Amino acid sequence: MKKKMSKTKRWLPIVEKFDYPFNEMIMWVETWQAWEKTTICLVTLDNWYEVVWYSHCLNADDYDFEIWKEEAYKNACDKIWDVYAFLCAEAGFNNVE
């Protein structure tokens, strides 16, 4: 029998920001624990673009929400970085004479 995802959501004003050029675009971050060893992170940007990503550990006994929420946040920002880098490259490509 599958376990249901916890409906308890933990809100964060902003998790520790890392050195990303899009930091000022982040409106809020929401993380929550799913099952016994998975953390899900939702990052919402000021243009309402949302990225959802996760982190998890192998053993539920080693799970610590405080540690894994940071990892989930980093993973979500890596996904935003992929899109941001593409848009920067595209803007530069279109400005070439």
PDB file of N, CA and C in Angstrom:
ATOM      1  N   MET A   1       0.834  -1.192   0.000  1.00  0.00           N
ATOM      2  CA  MET A   1       0.000   0.000   0.000  1.00  0.00           C
ATOM      3  C   MET A   1       0.878   1.254   0.000  1.00  0.00           C
ATOM      4  N   LYS A   2       0.605   2.159  -0.904  1.00  0.00           N
ATOM      5  CA  LYS A   2       1.381   3.390  -1.010  1.00  0.00           C
ATOM      6  C   LYS A   2       1.001   4.365   0.098  1.00  0.00           C
ATOM      7  N   LYS A   3       2.015   5.087   0.571  1.00  0.00           N
ATOM      8  CA  LYS A   3       1.756   6.126   1.569  1.00  0.00           C
ATOM      9  C   LYS A   3       1.352   7.398   0.851  1.00  0.00           C
ATOM     10  N   LYS A   4       0.458   8.142   1.449  1.00  0.00           N
ATOM     11  CA  LYS A   4       0.017   9.410   0.865  1.00  0.00           C
ATOM     12  C   LYS A   4       0.988  10.511   1.250  1.00  0.00           C
ATOM     13  N   MET A   5       1.110  11.496   0.366  1.00  0.00           N
ATOM     14  CA  MET A   5       1.971  12.630   0.624  1.00  0.00           C
ATOM     15  C   MET A   5       1.388  13.459   1.765  1.00  0.00           C
ATOM     16  N   SER A   6       2.266  13.929   2.630  1.00  0.00           N
ATOM     17  CA  SER A   6       1.845  14.754   3.754  1.00  0.00           C
ATOM     18  C   SER A   6       1.217  16.048   3.243  1.00  0.00           C
ATOM     19  N   LYS A   7       0.105  16.428   3.842  1.00  0.00           N
ATOM     20  CA  LYS A   7      -0.551  17.669   3.437  1.00  0.00           C
ATOM     21  C   LYS A   7      -0.051  18.849   4.254  1.00  0.00           C
ATOM     22  N   THR A   8       0.862  18.594   5.165  1.00  0.00           N
ATOM     23  CA  THR A   8       1.429  19.668   5.963  1.00  0.00           C
ATOM     24  C   THR A   8       2.508  20.360   5.158  1.00  0.00           C
ATOM     25  N   LYS A   9       2.287  21.607   4.844  1.00  0.00           N
ATOM     26  CA  LYS A   9       3.248  22.372   4.055  1.00  0.00           C
ATOM     27  C   LYS A   9       4.018  23.295   4.979  1.00  0.00           C
ATOM     28  N   ARG A  10       5.292  23.403   4.740  1.00  0.00           N
ATOM     29  CA  ARG A  10       6.132  24.289   5.524  1.00  0.00           C
ATOM     30  C   ARG A  10       6.533  25.459   4.638  1.00  0.00           C
ATOM     31  N   TRP A  11       6.168  26.652   5.041  1.00  0.00           N
ATOM     32  CA  TRP A  11       6.484  27.848   4.244  1.00  0.00           C
ATOM     33  C   TRP A  11       7.810  28.416   4.683  1.00  0.00           C
ATOM     34  N   LEU A  12       8.561  28.895   3.745  1.00  0.00           N
ATOM     35  CA  LEU A  12       9.834  29.543   4.026  1.00  0.00           C
ATOM     36  C   LEU A  12       9.779  30.940   3.425  1.00  0.00           C
ATOM     37  N   PRO A  13      10.219  31.958   4.159  1.00  0.00           N
ATOM     38  CA  PRO A  13      10.216  33.290   3.566  1.00  0.00           C
ATOM     39  C   PRO A  13      11.117  33.308   2.335  1.00  0.00           C
ATOM     40  N   ILE A  14      12.331  32.899   2.472  1.00  0.00           N
ATOM     41  CA  ILE A  14      13.269  32.616   1.379  1.00  0.00           C
ATOM     42  C   ILE A  14      14.366  31.770   2.013  1.00  0.00           C
ATOM     43  N   VAL A  15      14.637  30.654   1.424  1.00  0.00           N
ATOM     44  CA  VAL A  15      15.722  29.810   1.911  1.00  0.00           C
ATOM     45  C   VAL A  15      17.016  30.545   1.593  1.00  0.00           C
ATOM     46  N   GLU A  16      18.093  30.190   2.255  1.00  0.00           N
ATOM     47  CA  GLU A  16      19.382  30.837   1.989  1.00  0.00           C
ATOM     48  C   GLU A  16      19.591  30.965   0.489  1.00  0.00           C
ATOM     49  N   LYS A  17      19.859  32.173   0.046  1.00  0.00           N
ATOM     50  CA  LYS A  17      20.042  32.395  -1.390  1.00  0.00           C
ATOM     51  C   LYS A  17      21.466  32.078  -1.793  1.00  0.00           C
ATOM     52  N   PHE A  18      21.597  31.448  -2.911  1.00  0.00           N
ATOM     53  CA  PHE A  18      22.901  31.142  -3.467  1.00  0.00           C
ATOM     54  C   PHE A  18      23.170  32.147  -4.572  1.00  0.00           C
ATOM     55  N   ASP A  19      24.327  32.135  -5.133  1.00  0.00           N
ATOM     56  CA  ASP A  19      24.725  33.162  -6.086  1.00  0.00           C
ATOM     57  C   ASP A  19      24.167  32.880  -7.479  1.00  0.00           C
ATOM     58  N   TYR A  20      22.890  33.175  -7.663  1.00  0.00           N
ATOM     59  CA  TYR A  20      22.248  33.032  -8.962  1.00  0.00           C
ATOM     60  C   TYR A  20      21.842  34.423  -9.447  1.00  0.00           C
ATOM     61  N   PRO A  21      21.944  34.708 -10.741  1.00  0.00           N
ATOM     62  CA  PRO A  21      21.577  36.041 -11.235  1.00  0.00           C
ATOM     63  C   PRO A  21      20.074  36.308 -11.157  1.00  0.00           C
ATOM     64  N   PHE A  22      19.278  35.268 -10.959  1.00  0.00           N
ATOM     65  CA  PHE A  22      17.826  35.448 -10.919  1.00  0.00           C
ATOM     66  C   PHE A  22      17.286  35.506  -9.492  1.00  0.00           C
ATOM     67  N   ASN A  23      18.150  35.659  -8.488  1.00  0.00           N
ATOM     68  CA  ASN A  23      17.691  35.688  -7.094  1.00  0.00           C
ATOM     69  C   ASN A  23      16.600  36.735  -6.852  1.00  0.00           C
ATOM     70  N   GLU A  24      16.763  37.914  -7.450  1.00  0.00           N
ATOM     71  CA  GLU A  24      15.774  38.972  -7.215  1.00  0.00           C
ATOM     72  C   GLU A  24      14.417  38.640  -7.823  1.00  0.00           C
ATOM     73  N   MET A  25      14.355  37.632  -8.687  1.00  0.00           N
ATOM     74  CA  MET A  25      13.092  37.231  -9.300  1.00  0.00           C
ATOM     75  C   MET A  25      12.299  36.259  -8.430  1.00  0.00           C
ATOM     76  N   ILE A  26      12.926  35.683  -7.412  1.00  0.00           N
ATOM     77  CA  ILE A  26      12.251  34.684  -6.580  1.00  0.00           C
ATOM     78  C   ILE A  26      11.294  35.388  -5.628  1.00  0.00           C
ATOM     79  N   MET A  27       9.999  35.060  -5.753  1.00  0.00           N
ATOM     80  CA  MET A  27       8.981  35.652  -4.875  1.00  0.00           C
ATOM     81  C   MET A  27       8.865  34.869  -3.579  1.00  0.00           C
ATOM     82  N   TRP A  28       8.745  33.550  -3.676  1.00  0.00           N
ATOM     83  CA  TRP A  28       8.687  32.730  -2.481  1.00  0.00           C
ATOM     84  C   TRP A  28       9.072  31.296  -2.789  1.00  0.00           C
ATOM     85  N   VAL A  29       9.335  30.597  -1.688  1.00  0.00           N
ATOM     86  CA  VAL A  29       9.744  29.197  -1.764  1.00  0.00           C
ATOM     87  C   VAL A  29       8.879  28.419  -0.790  1.00  0.00           C
ATOM     88  N   GLU A  30       8.388  27.303  -1.246  1.00  0.00           N
ATOM     89  CA  GLU A  30       7.588  26.433  -0.387  1.00  0.00           C
ATOM     90  C   GLU A  30       8.205  25.040  -0.441  1.00  0.00           C
ATOM     91  N   THR A  31       8.424  24.453   0.716  1.00  0.00           N
ATOM     92  CA  THR A  31       8.941  23.088   0.768  1.00  0.00           C
ATOM     93  C   THR A  31       8.082  22.262   1.700  1.00  0.00           C
ATOM     94  N   TRP A  32       8.001  20.989   1.395  1.00  0.00           N
ATOM     95  CA  TRP A  32       7.292  20.088   2.289  1.00  0.00           C
ATOM     96  C   TRP A  32       7.845  18.680   2.172  1.00  0.00           C
ATOM     97  N   GLN A  33       7.620  17.923   3.238  1.00  0.00           N
ATOM     98  CA  GLN A  33       8.083  16.544   3.262  1.00  0.00           C
ATOM     99  C   GLN A  33       7.021  15.660   2.622  1.00  0.00           C
ATOM    100  N   ALA A  34       7.481  14.765   1.762  1.00  0.00           N
ATOM    101  CA  ALA A  34       6.602  13.793   1.132  1.00  0.00           C
ATOM    102  C   ALA A  34       7.117  12.404   1.515  1.00  0.00           C
ATOM    103  N   TRP A  35       6.251  11.581   1.960  1.00  0.00           N
ATOM    104  CA  TRP A  35       6.614  10.221   2.380  1.00  0.00           C
ATOM    105  C   TRP A  35       7.623  10.288   3.518  1.00  0.00           C
ATOM    106  N   GLU A  36       8.569   9.385   3.570  1.00  0.00           N
ATOM    107  CA  GLU A  36       9.469   9.327   4.727  1.00  0.00           C
ATOM    108  C   GLU A  36      10.844   9.947   4.492  1.00  0.00           C
ATOM    109  N   LYS A  37      11.239  10.103   3.225  1.00  0.00           N
ATOM    110  CA  LYS A  37      12.609  10.560   2.973  1.00  0.00           C
ATOM    111  C   LYS A  37      12.745  11.446   1.739  1.00  0.00           C
ATOM    112  N   THR A  38      11.666  12.111   1.361  1.00  0.00           N
ATOM    113  CA  THR A  38      11.675  12.974   0.183  1.00  0.00           C
ATOM    114  C   THR A  38      11.184  14.365   0.561  1.00  0.00           C
ATOM    115  N   THR A  39      11.855  15.373   0.028  1.00  0.00           N
ATOM    116  CA  THR A  39      11.447  16.770   0.213  1.00  0.00           C
ATOM    117  C   THR A  39      11.138  17.352  -1.154  1.00  0.00           C
ATOM    118  N   ILE A  40      10.025  18.034  -1.258  1.00  0.00           N
ATOM    119  CA  ILE A  40       9.615  18.681  -2.499  1.00  0.00           C
ATOM    120  C   ILE A  40       9.708  20.191  -2.301  1.00  0.00           C
ATOM    121  N   CYS A  41      10.189  20.887  -3.322  1.00  0.00           N
ATOM    122  CA  CYS A  41      10.363  22.335  -3.253  1.00  0.00           C
ATOM    123  C   CYS A  41       9.676  22.995  -4.438  1.00  0.00           C
ATOM    124  N   LEU A  42       8.883  24.001  -4.166  1.00  0.00           N
ATOM    125  CA  LEU A  42       8.232  24.813  -5.195  1.00  0.00           C
ATOM    126  C   LEU A  42       8.807  26.219  -5.109  1.00  0.00           C
ATOM    127  N   VAL A  43       9.405  26.682  -6.203  1.00  0.00           N
ATOM    128  CA  VAL A  43       9.957  28.038  -6.274  1.00  0.00           C
ATOM    129  C   VAL A  43       9.089  28.818  -7.249  1.00  0.00           C
ATOM    130  N   THR A  44       8.575  29.967  -6.806  1.00  0.00           N
ATOM    131  CA  THR A  44       7.745  30.818  -7.659  1.00  0.00           C
ATOM    132  C   THR A  44       8.489  32.115  -7.946  1.00  0.00           C
ATOM    133  N   LEU A  45       8.599  32.430  -9.243  1.00  0.00           N
ATOM    134  CA  LEU A  45       9.267  33.657  -9.662  1.00  0.00           C
ATOM    135  C   LEU A  45       8.263  34.791  -9.792  1.00  0.00           C
ATOM    136  N   ASP A  46       8.752  36.010  -9.925  1.00  0.00           N
ATOM    137  CA  ASP A  46       7.865  37.178  -9.977  1.00  0.00           C
ATOM    138  C   ASP A  46       7.012  37.239 -11.242  1.00  0.00           C
ATOM    139  N   ASN A  47       7.322  36.420 -12.240  1.00  0.00           N
ATOM    140  CA  ASN A  47       6.468  36.346 -13.431  1.00  0.00           C
ATOM    141  C   ASN A  47       5.504  35.160 -13.347  1.00  0.00           C
ATOM    142  N   TRP A  48       5.398  34.581 -12.154  1.00  0.00           N
ATOM    143  CA  TRP A  48       4.527  33.451 -11.819  1.00  0.00           C
ATOM    144  C   TRP A  48       4.978  32.135 -12.440  1.00  0.00           C
ATOM    145  N   TYR A  49       6.194  32.105 -12.967  1.00  0.00           N
ATOM    146  CA  TYR A  49       6.772  30.843 -13.438  1.00  0.00           C
ATOM    147  C   TYR A  49       7.110  30.013 -12.202  1.00  0.00           C
ATOM    148  N   GLU A  50       6.727  28.765 -12.206  1.00  0.00           N
ATOM    149  CA  GLU A  50       6.959  27.891 -11.058  1.00  0.00           C
ATOM    150  C   GLU A  50       7.837  26.714 -11.455  1.00  0.00           C
ATOM    151  N   VAL A  51       8.737  26.376 -10.548  1.00  0.00           N
ATOM    152  CA  VAL A  51       9.592  25.207 -10.731  1.00  0.00           C
ATOM    153  C   VAL A  51       9.417  24.325  -9.511  1.00  0.00           C
ATOM    154  N   VAL A  52       9.194  23.050  -9.752  1.00  0.00           N
ATOM    155  CA  VAL A  52       9.075  22.080  -8.673  1.00  0.00           C
ATOM    156  C   VAL A  52      10.179  21.059  -8.845  1.00  0.00           C
ATOM    157  N   TRP A  53      10.907  20.812  -7.765  1.00  0.00           N
ATOM    158  CA  TRP A  53      11.931  19.776  -7.793  1.00  0.00           C
ATOM    159  C   TRP A  53      12.009  19.140  -6.421  1.00  0.00           C
ATOM    160  N   TYR A  54      12.881  18.201  -6.251  1.00  0.00           N
ATOM    161  CA  TYR A  54      12.881  17.394  -5.040  1.00  0.00           C
ATOM    162  C   TYR A  54      14.303  17.038  -4.615  1.00  0.00           C
ATOM    163  N   SER A  55      14.397  16.480  -3.413  1.00  0.00           N
ATOM    164  CA  SER A  55      15.611  15.842  -2.930  1.00  0.00           C
ATOM    165  C   SER A  55      15.171  14.658  -2.088  1.00  0.00           C
ATOM    166  N   HIS A  56      16.055  13.709  -1.941  1.00  0.00           N
ATOM    167  CA  HIS A  56      15.717  12.544  -1.118  1.00  0.00           C
ATOM    168  C   HIS A  56      16.985  11.865  -0.637  1.00  0.00           C
ATOM    169  N   CYS A  57      16.853  11.080   0.403  1.00  0.00           N
ATOM    170  CA  CYS A  57      17.981  10.306   0.892  1.00  0.00           C
ATOM    171  C   CYS A  57      17.637   8.820   0.792  1.00  0.00           C
ATOM    172  N   LEU A  58      18.642   7.981   0.907  1.00  0.00           N
ATOM    173  CA  LEU A  58      18.437   6.546   0.736  1.00  0.00           C
ATOM    174  C   LEU A  58      17.770   5.888   1.937  1.00  0.00           C
ATOM    175  N   ASN A  59      18.091   6.363   3.124  1.00  0.00           N
ATOM    176  CA  ASN A  59      17.597   5.727   4.335  1.00  0.00           C
ATOM    177  C   ASN A  59      16.729   6.712   5.123  1.00  0.00           C
ATOM    178  N   ALA A  60      15.523   6.315   5.425  1.00  0.00           N
ATOM    179  CA  ALA A  60      14.601   7.197   6.147  1.00  0.00           C
ATOM    180  C   ALA A  60      15.143   7.577   7.526  1.00  0.00           C
ATOM    181  N   ASP A  61      15.967   6.725   8.120  1.00  0.00           N
ATOM    182  CA  ASP A  61      16.547   7.035   9.427  1.00  0.00           C
ATOM    183  C   ASP A  61      17.524   8.206   9.355  1.00  0.00           C
ATOM    184  N   ASP A  62      18.080   8.469   8.177  1.00  0.00           N
ATOM    185  CA  ASP A  62      19.029   9.564   7.993  1.00  0.00           C
ATOM    186  C   ASP A  62      18.350  10.859   7.558  1.00  0.00           C
ATOM    187  N   TYR A  63      17.042  10.847   7.373  1.00  0.00           N
ATOM    188  CA  TYR A  63      16.337  12.005   6.837  1.00  0.00           C
ATOM    189  C   TYR A  63      16.243  13.120   7.874  1.00  0.00           C
ATOM    190  N   ASP A  64      16.623  14.323   7.457  1.00  0.00           N
ATOM    191  CA  ASP A  64      16.480  15.523   8.276  1.00  0.00           C
ATOM    192  C   ASP A  64      15.903  16.610   7.364  1.00  0.00           C
ATOM    193  N   PHE A  65      14.694  17.040   7.653  1.00  0.00           N
ATOM    194  CA  PHE A  65      14.005  17.993   6.787  1.00  0.00           C
ATOM    195  C   PHE A  65      14.829  19.256   6.567  1.00  0.00           C
ATOM    196  N   GLU A  66      15.457  19.766   7.608  1.00  0.00           N
ATOM    197  CA  GLU A  66      16.216  21.011   7.503  1.00  0.00           C
ATOM    198  C   GLU A  66      17.363  20.891   6.511  1.00  0.00           C
ATOM    199  N   ILE A  67      18.000  19.754   6.457  1.00  0.00           N
ATOM    200  CA  ILE A  67      19.099  19.538   5.508  1.00  0.00           C
ATOM    201  C   ILE A  67      18.569  19.359   4.097  1.00  0.00           C
ATOM    202  N   TRP A  68      17.555  18.537   3.940  1.00  0.00           N
ATOM    203  CA  TRP A  68      17.079  18.182   2.599  1.00  0.00           C
ATOM    204  C   TRP A  68      16.253  19.278   1.945  1.00  0.00           C
ATOM    205  N   LYS A  69      15.696  20.228   2.730  1.00  0.00           N
ATOM    206  CA  LYS A  69      14.983  21.343   2.089  1.00  0.00           C
ATOM    207  C   LYS A  69      15.976  22.245   1.356  1.00  0.00           C
ATOM    208  N   GLU A  70      17.175  22.414   1.908  1.00  0.00           N
ATOM    209  CA  GLU A  70      18.206  23.192   1.233  1.00  0.00           C
ATOM    210  C   GLU A  70      18.615  22.516  -0.070  1.00  0.00           C
ATOM    211  N   GLU A  71      18.756  21.198  -0.031  1.00  0.00           N
ATOM    212  CA  GLU A  71      19.145  20.450  -1.231  1.00  0.00           C
ATOM    213  C   GLU A  71      18.049  20.528  -2.296  1.00  0.00           C
ATOM    214  N   ALA A  72      16.784  20.426  -1.892  1.00  0.00           N
ATOM    215  CA  ALA A  72      15.671  20.530  -2.843  1.00  0.00           C
ATOM    216  C   ALA A  72      15.635  21.925  -3.466  1.00  0.00           C
ATOM    217  N   TYR A  73      15.905  22.950  -2.655  1.00  0.00           N
ATOM    218  CA  TYR A  73      15.938  24.324  -3.158  1.00  0.00           C
ATOM    219  C   TYR A  73      17.058  24.500  -4.185  1.00  0.00           C
ATOM    220  N   LYS A  74      18.249  23.975  -3.874  1.00  0.00           N
ATOM    221  CA  LYS A  74      19.363  24.052  -4.825  1.00  0.00           C
ATOM    222  C   LYS A  74      19.003  23.346  -6.130  1.00  0.00           C
ATOM    223  N   ASN A  75      18.372  22.183  -6.028  1.00  0.00           N
ATOM    224  CA  ASN A  75      17.985  21.436  -7.225  1.00  0.00           C
ATOM    225  C   ASN A  75      16.973  22.211  -8.067  1.00  0.00           C
ATOM    226  N   ALA A  76      16.004  22.861  -7.416  1.00  0.00           N
ATOM    227  CA  ALA A  76      15.011  23.657  -8.146  1.00  0.00           C
ATOM    228  C   ALA A  76      15.687  24.841  -8.836  1.00  0.00           C
ATOM    229  N   CYS A  77      16.629  25.490  -8.141  1.00  0.00           N
ATOM    230  CA  CYS A  77      17.342  26.627  -8.741  1.00  0.00           C
ATOM    231  C   CYS A  77      18.203  26.184  -9.915  1.00  0.00           C
ATOM    232  N   ASP A  78      18.733  24.971  -9.857  1.00  0.00           N
ATOM    233  CA  ASP A  78      19.488  24.456 -11.004  1.00  0.00           C
ATOM    234  C   ASP A  78      18.583  24.337 -12.230  1.00  0.00           C
ATOM    235  N   LYS A  79      17.336  23.969 -12.024  1.00  0.00           N
ATOM    236  CA  LYS A  79      16.385  23.866 -13.137  1.00  0.00           C
ATOM    237  C   LYS A  79      16.049  25.254 -13.672  1.00  0.00           C
ATOM    238  N   ILE A  80      15.896  26.233 -12.773  1.00  0.00           N
ATOM    239  CA  ILE A  80      15.652  27.609 -13.218  1.00  0.00           C
ATOM    240  C   ILE A  80      16.864  28.105 -14.004  1.00  0.00           C
ATOM    241  N   TRP A  81      18.055  27.775 -13.520  1.00  0.00           N
ATOM    242  CA  TRP A  81      19.286  28.195 -14.187  1.00  0.00           C
ATOM    243  C   TRP A  81      19.326  27.686 -15.620  1.00  0.00           C
ATOM    244  N   ASP A  82      18.873  26.452 -15.856  1.00  0.00           N
ATOM    245  CA  ASP A  82      18.841  25.905 -17.219  1.00  0.00           C
ATOM    246  C   ASP A  82      18.022  26.798 -18.144  1.00  0.00           C
ATOM    247  N   VAL A  83      16.846  27.199 -17.694  1.00  0.00           N
ATOM    248  CA  VAL A  83      15.963  28.042 -18.511  1.00  0.00           C
ATOM    249  C   VAL A  83      16.556  29.445 -18.654  1.00  0.00           C
ATOM    250  N   TYR A  84      17.065  29.991 -17.553  1.00  0.00           N
ATOM    251  CA  TYR A  84      17.637  31.335 -17.558  1.00  0.00           C
ATOM    252  C   TYR A  84      18.839  31.408 -18.510  1.00  0.00           C
ATOM    253  N   ALA A  85      19.707  30.414 -18.452  1.00  0.00           N
ATOM    254  CA  ALA A  85      20.877  30.384 -19.326  1.00  0.00           C
ATOM    255  C   ALA A  85      20.464  30.303 -20.794  1.00  0.00           C
ATOM    256  N   PHE A  86      19.445  29.511 -21.069  1.00  0.00           N
ATOM    257  CA  PHE A  86      18.948  29.414 -22.436  1.00  0.00           C
ATOM    258  C   PHE A  86      18.446  30.775 -22.925  1.00  0.00           C
ATOM    259  N   LEU A  87      17.659  31.472 -22.089  1.00  0.00           N
ATOM    260  CA  LEU A  87      17.126  32.778 -22.481  1.00  0.00           C
ATOM    261  C   LEU A  87      18.240  33.805 -22.682  1.00  0.00           C
ATOM    262  N   CYS A  88      19.275  33.771 -21.839  1.00  0.00           N
ATOM    263  CA  CYS A  88      20.406  34.692 -22.004  1.00  0.00           C
ATOM    264  C   CYS A  88      21.145  34.407 -23.312  1.00  0.00           C
ATOM    265  N   ALA A  89      21.354  33.125 -23.595  1.00  0.00           N
ATOM    266  CA  ALA A  89      22.036  32.744 -24.840  1.00  0.00           C
ATOM    267  C   ALA A  89      21.209  33.157 -26.052  1.00  0.00           C
ATOM    268  N   GLU A  90      19.917  32.967 -25.965  1.00  0.00           N
ATOM    269  CA  GLU A  90      19.018  33.323 -27.071  1.00  0.00           C
ATOM    270  C   GLU A  90      19.020  34.833 -27.289  1.00  0.00           C
ATOM    271  N   ALA A  91      18.999  35.607 -26.220  1.00  0.00           N
ATOM    272  CA  ALA A  91      19.029  37.072 -26.334  1.00  0.00           C
ATOM    273  C   ALA A  91      20.337  37.526 -26.971  1.00  0.00           C
ATOM    274  N   GLY A  92      21.441  36.917 -26.563  1.00  0.00           N
ATOM    275  CA  GLY A  92      22.732  37.254 -27.145  1.00  0.00           C
ATOM    276  C   GLY A  92      22.827  36.858 -28.602  1.00  0.00           C
ATOM    277  N   PHE A  93      22.280  35.722 -28.950  1.00  0.00           N
ATOM    278  CA  PHE A  93      22.295  35.238 -30.333  1.00  0.00           C
ATOM    279  C   PHE A  93      21.494  36.169 -31.243  1.00  0.00           C
ATOM    280  N   ASN A  94      20.349  36.635 -30.751  1.00  0.00           N
ATOM    281  CA  ASN A  94      19.500  37.513 -31.557  1.00  0.00           C
ATOM    282  C   ASN A  94      20.072  38.911 -31.711  1.00  0.00           C
ATOM    283  N   ASN A  95      20.998  39.309 -30.833  1.00  0.00           N
ATOM    284  CA  ASN A  95      21.598  40.645 -30.911  1.00  0.00           C
ATOM    285  C   ASN A  95      22.859  40.683 -31.754  1.00  0.00           C
ATOM    286  N   VAL A  96      23.284  39.542 -32.254  1.00  0.00           N
ATOM    287  CA  VAL A  96      24.470  39.484 -33.099  1.00  0.00           C
ATOM    288  C   VAL A  96      24.125  40.014 -34.478  1.00  0.00           C
ATOM    289  N   GLU A  97      24.961  40.897 -34.999  1.00  0.00           N
ATOM    290  CA  GLU A  97      24.665  41.492 -36.307  1.00  0.00           C
ATOM    291  C   GLU A  97      25.118  40.604 -37.422  1.00  0.00           C
TER     292      GLU A  97
END
